[in-house]
Amino acid sequence: MFRTLDVVMIAVMTAAATVTYSIKHQAENKLEEVRKLDAEIKLEEDTIDLLKADWALLTQPNRLNRLVKTFEADLKLVPTESTQLAQPNELPMPTAELPALEPAKDEKIAEGDKKTKKKSTDAIQTGSVAN
């Protein structure tokens, strides 16, 4: 007959085998996910390489020159003159360097008029008289 220790050991071995199998199954599932992600990354990298090659083909100077000559009459393209390019000192000042503006007196008066109009509008809407 089996002793109690034998039964306990069989239960522990069965539980250990079950846990080991479930961990192995989870690891295989994660490995499959990693392989799918690797395949997607490879596809994206290949797509990027293809688009870069396509861009290089489309921006070849010889090709662009032929297009300019072909559509010269329709587009009326001319080379850019050096006087058309802006110099750094001709550019507007960055907004971070602009001095702070003080509100003008006219704006203060306009704000006062808005408050007055709001009071009179409030009186009309509610039916009450503003004091």
C-alpha atoms as a PDB file:
ATOM      1  CA  MET A   1       0.000   0.000   0.000  1.00  0.00           C
ATOM      2  CA  PHE A   2       0.968   3.576  -0.547  1.00  0.00           C
ATOM      3  CA  ARG A   3       2.082   5.603   2.309  1.00  0.00           C
ATOM      4  CA  THR A   4       0.900   9.171   2.837  1.00  0.00           C
ATOM      5  CA  LEU A   5       4.284  10.537   1.801  1.00  0.00           C
ATOM      6  CA  ASP A   6       4.027   8.753  -1.553  1.00  0.00           C
ATOM      7  CA  VAL A   7       0.629  10.327  -2.252  1.00  0.00           C
ATOM      8  CA  VAL A   8       1.917  13.804  -1.293  1.00  0.00           C
ATOM      9  CA  MET A   9       4.976  13.384  -3.512  1.00  0.00           C
ATOM     10  CA  ILE A  10       2.840  12.309  -6.480  1.00  0.00           C
ATOM     11  CA  ALA A  11       0.588  15.390  -5.982  1.00  0.00           C
ATOM     12  CA  VAL A  12       3.628  17.700  -5.773  1.00  0.00           C
ATOM     13  CA  MET A  13       5.169  16.178  -8.924  1.00  0.00           C
ATOM     14  CA  THR A  14       1.879  16.532 -10.804  1.00  0.00           C
ATOM     15  CA  ALA A  15       1.526  20.159  -9.706  1.00  0.00           C
ATOM     16  CA  ALA A  16       5.156  20.888 -10.670  1.00  0.00           C
ATOM     17  CA  ALA A  17       4.638  19.285 -14.083  1.00  0.00           C
ATOM     18  CA  THR A  18       1.471  21.342 -14.629  1.00  0.00           C
ATOM     19  CA  VAL A  19       3.198  24.598 -13.669  1.00  0.00           C
ATOM     20  CA  THR A  20       6.213  23.757 -15.850  1.00  0.00           C
ATOM     21  CA  TYR A  21       3.969  22.999 -18.829  1.00  0.00           C
ATOM     22  CA  SER A  22       1.960  26.224 -18.412  1.00  0.00           C
ATOM     23  CA  ILE A  23       5.155  28.316 -18.151  1.00  0.00           C
ATOM     24  CA  LYS A  24       6.555  26.595 -21.260  1.00  0.00           C
ATOM     25  CA  HIS A  25       3.299  27.253 -23.133  1.00  0.00           C
ATOM     26  CA  GLN A  26       3.331  30.957 -22.138  1.00  0.00           C
ATOM     27  CA  ALA A  27       6.976  31.270 -23.220  1.00  0.00           C
ATOM     28  CA  GLU A  28       6.152  29.738 -26.623  1.00  0.00           C
ATOM     29  CA  ASN A  29       3.263  32.184 -27.058  1.00  0.00           C
ATOM     30  CA  LYS A  30       5.521  35.143 -26.198  1.00  0.00           C
ATOM     31  CA  LEU A  31       8.172  33.852 -28.612  1.00  0.00           C
ATOM     32  CA  GLU A  32       5.552  33.700 -31.365  1.00  0.00           C
ATOM     33  CA  GLU A  33       4.545  37.314 -30.601  1.00  0.00           C
ATOM     34  CA  VAL A  34       8.194  38.394 -30.773  1.00  0.00           C
ATOM     35  CA  ARG A  35       8.584  36.665 -34.148  1.00  0.00           C
ATOM     36  CA  LYS A  36       5.480  38.416 -35.481  1.00  0.00           C
ATOM     37  CA  LEU A  37       6.782  41.788 -34.271  1.00  0.00           C
ATOM     38  CA  ASP A  38      10.181  41.094 -35.849  1.00  0.00           C
ATOM     39  CA  ALA A  39       8.455  40.308 -39.142  1.00  0.00           C
ATOM     40  CA  GLU A  40       6.439  43.550 -38.952  1.00  0.00           C
ATOM     41  CA  ILE A  41       9.570  45.565 -38.160  1.00  0.00           C
ATOM     42  CA  LYS A  42      11.404  43.974 -41.088  1.00  0.00           C
ATOM     43  CA  LEU A  43       8.482  44.802 -43.388  1.00  0.00           C
ATOM     44  CA  GLU A  44       8.466  48.440 -42.209  1.00  0.00           C
ATOM     45  CA  GLU A  45      12.238  48.740 -42.662  1.00  0.00           C
ATOM     46  CA  ASP A  46      11.947  47.320 -46.181  1.00  0.00           C
ATOM     47  CA  THR A  47       9.136  49.770 -46.940  1.00  0.00           C
ATOM     48  CA  ILE A  48      11.236  52.686 -45.677  1.00  0.00           C
ATOM     49  CA  ASP A  49      14.184  51.567 -47.825  1.00  0.00           C
ATOM     50  CA  LEU A  50      11.897  51.314 -50.853  1.00  0.00           C
ATOM     51  CA  LEU A  51      10.466  54.788 -50.239  1.00  0.00           C
ATOM     52  CA  LYS A  52      13.964  56.252 -49.843  1.00  0.00           C
ATOM     53  CA  ALA A  53      15.000  54.691 -53.148  1.00  0.00           C
ATOM     54  CA  ASP A  54      11.844  56.024 -54.789  1.00  0.00           C
ATOM     55  CA  TRP A  55      12.529  59.515 -53.391  1.00  0.00           C
ATOM     56  CA  ALA A  56      16.103  59.391 -54.664  1.00  0.00           C
ATOM     57  CA  LEU A  57      14.813  58.437 -58.108  1.00  0.00           C
ATOM     58  CA  LEU A  58      12.202  61.202 -58.152  1.00  0.00           C
ATOM     59  CA  THR A  59      14.631  63.926 -57.065  1.00  0.00           C
ATOM     60  CA  GLN A  60      17.416  63.173 -59.524  1.00  0.00           C
ATOM     61  CA  PRO A  61      18.621  66.462 -61.014  1.00  0.00           C
ATOM     62  CA  ASN A  62      18.588  65.080 -64.585  1.00  0.00           C
ATOM     63  CA  ARG A  63      14.956  63.967 -64.228  1.00  0.00           C
ATOM     64  CA  LEU A  64      13.931  67.318 -62.732  1.00  0.00           C
ATOM     65  CA  ASN A  65      15.759  69.154 -65.527  1.00  0.00           C
ATOM     66  CA  ARG A  66      13.836  67.173 -68.158  1.00  0.00           C
ATOM     67  CA  LEU A  67      10.548  67.945 -66.401  1.00  0.00           C
ATOM     68  CA  VAL A  68      11.382  71.641 -66.243  1.00  0.00           C
ATOM     69  CA  LYS A  69      12.162  71.693 -69.966  1.00  0.00           C
ATOM     70  CA  THR A  70       9.036  69.695 -70.809  1.00  0.00           C
ATOM     71  CA  PHE A  71       6.668  71.930 -68.853  1.00  0.00           C
ATOM     72  CA  GLU A  72       8.557  75.203 -69.282  1.00  0.00           C
ATOM     73  CA  ALA A  73       5.810  76.793 -71.365  1.00  0.00           C
ATOM     74  CA  ASP A  74       3.028  75.777 -68.977  1.00  0.00           C
ATOM     75  CA  LEU A  75       4.743  76.526 -65.684  1.00  0.00           C
ATOM     76  CA  LYS A  76       6.933  79.432 -66.785  1.00  0.00           C
ATOM     77  CA  LEU A  77       9.677  78.412 -64.360  1.00  0.00           C
ATOM     78  CA  VAL A  78      12.798  80.532 -64.101  1.00  0.00           C
ATOM     79  CA  PRO A  79      15.910  80.115 -61.959  1.00  0.00           C
ATOM     80  CA  THR A  80      15.878  81.834 -58.591  1.00  0.00           C
ATOM     81  CA  GLU A  81      17.922  85.003 -58.554  1.00  0.00           C
ATOM     82  CA  SER A  82      20.252  85.691 -55.659  1.00  0.00           C
ATOM     83  CA  THR A  83      18.323  88.867 -54.849  1.00  0.00           C
ATOM     84  CA  GLN A  84      15.197  86.799 -54.166  1.00  0.00           C
ATOM     85  CA  LEU A  85      16.821  85.067 -51.216  1.00  0.00           C
ATOM     86  CA  ALA A  86      16.415  86.735 -47.815  1.00  0.00           C
ATOM     87  CA  GLN A  87      19.448  87.549 -45.732  1.00  0.00           C
ATOM     88  CA  PRO A  88      19.375  86.807 -41.970  1.00  0.00           C
ATOM     89  CA  ASN A  89      19.190  90.504 -41.088  1.00  0.00           C
ATOM     90  CA  GLU A  90      16.099  90.887 -43.322  1.00  0.00           C
ATOM     91  CA  LEU A  91      14.113  88.279 -41.407  1.00  0.00           C
ATOM     92  CA  PRO A  92      11.570  89.454 -38.838  1.00  0.00           C
ATOM     93  CA  MET A  93      12.537  89.416 -35.172  1.00  0.00           C
ATOM     94  CA  PRO A  94      11.599  86.173 -33.351  1.00  0.00           C
ATOM     95  CA  THR A  95       8.540  86.602 -31.124  1.00  0.00           C
ATOM     96  CA  ALA A  96      10.598  85.634 -28.064  1.00  0.00           C
ATOM     97  CA  GLU A  97      12.716  88.763 -28.578  1.00  0.00           C
ATOM     98  CA  LEU A  98       9.791  91.167 -29.077  1.00  0.00           C
ATOM     99  CA  PRO A  99       9.359  93.749 -26.305  1.00  0.00           C
ATOM    100  CA  ALA A 100       6.230  93.474 -24.174  1.00  0.00           C
ATOM    101  CA  LEU A 101       3.460  95.806 -25.304  1.00  0.00           C
ATOM    102  CA  GLU A 102       1.565  97.992 -22.841  1.00  0.00           C
ATOM    103  CA  PRO A 103      -2.200  98.186 -23.344  1.00  0.00           C
ATOM    104  CA  ALA A 104      -3.095 101.445 -25.056  1.00  0.00           C
ATOM    105  CA  LYS A 105      -5.438 103.971 -23.494  1.00  0.00           C
ATOM    106  CA  ASP A 106      -7.928 103.290 -26.279  1.00  0.00           C
ATOM    107  CA  GLU A 107      -8.051  99.644 -25.279  1.00  0.00           C
ATOM    108  CA  LYS A 108      -8.715 100.552 -21.626  1.00  0.00           C
ATOM    109  CA  ILE A 109     -11.562 102.818 -22.738  1.00  0.00           C
ATOM    110  CA  ALA A 110     -12.918 100.054 -24.956  1.00  0.00           C
ATOM    111  CA  GLU A 111     -12.852  97.636 -21.991  1.00  0.00           C
ATOM    112  CA  GLY A 112     -14.848 100.154 -19.940  1.00  0.00           C
ATOM    113  CA  ASP A 113     -17.407 100.442 -22.766  1.00  0.00           C
ATOM    114  CA  LYS A 114     -17.736  96.651 -22.874  1.00  0.00           C
ATOM    115  CA  LYS A 115     -18.525  96.552 -19.145  1.00  0.00           C
ATOM    116  CA  THR A 116     -21.144  99.271 -19.596  1.00  0.00           C
ATOM    117  CA  LYS A 117     -22.706  97.462 -22.538  1.00  0.00           C
ATOM    118  CA  LYS A 118     -22.747  94.221 -20.554  1.00  0.00           C
ATOM    119  CA  LYS A 119     -24.625  95.910 -17.695  1.00  0.00           C
ATOM    120  CA  SER A 120     -27.212  97.367 -20.051  1.00  0.00           C
ATOM    121  CA  THR A 121     -27.520  94.039 -21.886  1.00  0.00           C
ATOM    122  CA  ASP A 122     -27.927  92.268 -18.539  1.00  0.00           C
ATOM    123  CA  ALA A 123     -30.727  94.648 -17.613  1.00  0.00           C
ATOM    124  CA  ILE A 124     -32.515  93.904 -20.867  1.00  0.00           C
ATOM    125  CA  GLN A 125     -32.128  90.143 -20.579  1.00  0.00           C
ATOM    126  CA  THR A 126     -33.258  89.835 -16.983  1.00  0.00           C
ATOM    127  CA  GLY A 127     -35.754  92.661 -17.035  1.00  0.00           C
ATOM    128  CA  SER A 128     -34.111  94.280 -14.027  1.00  0.00           C
ATOM    129  CA  VAL A 129     -32.773  97.802 -13.933  1.00  0.00           C
ATOM    130  CA  ALA A 130     -29.047  98.284 -13.402  1.00  0.00           C
ATOM    131  CA  ASN A 131     -27.999 100.909 -10.872  1.00  0.00           C
END
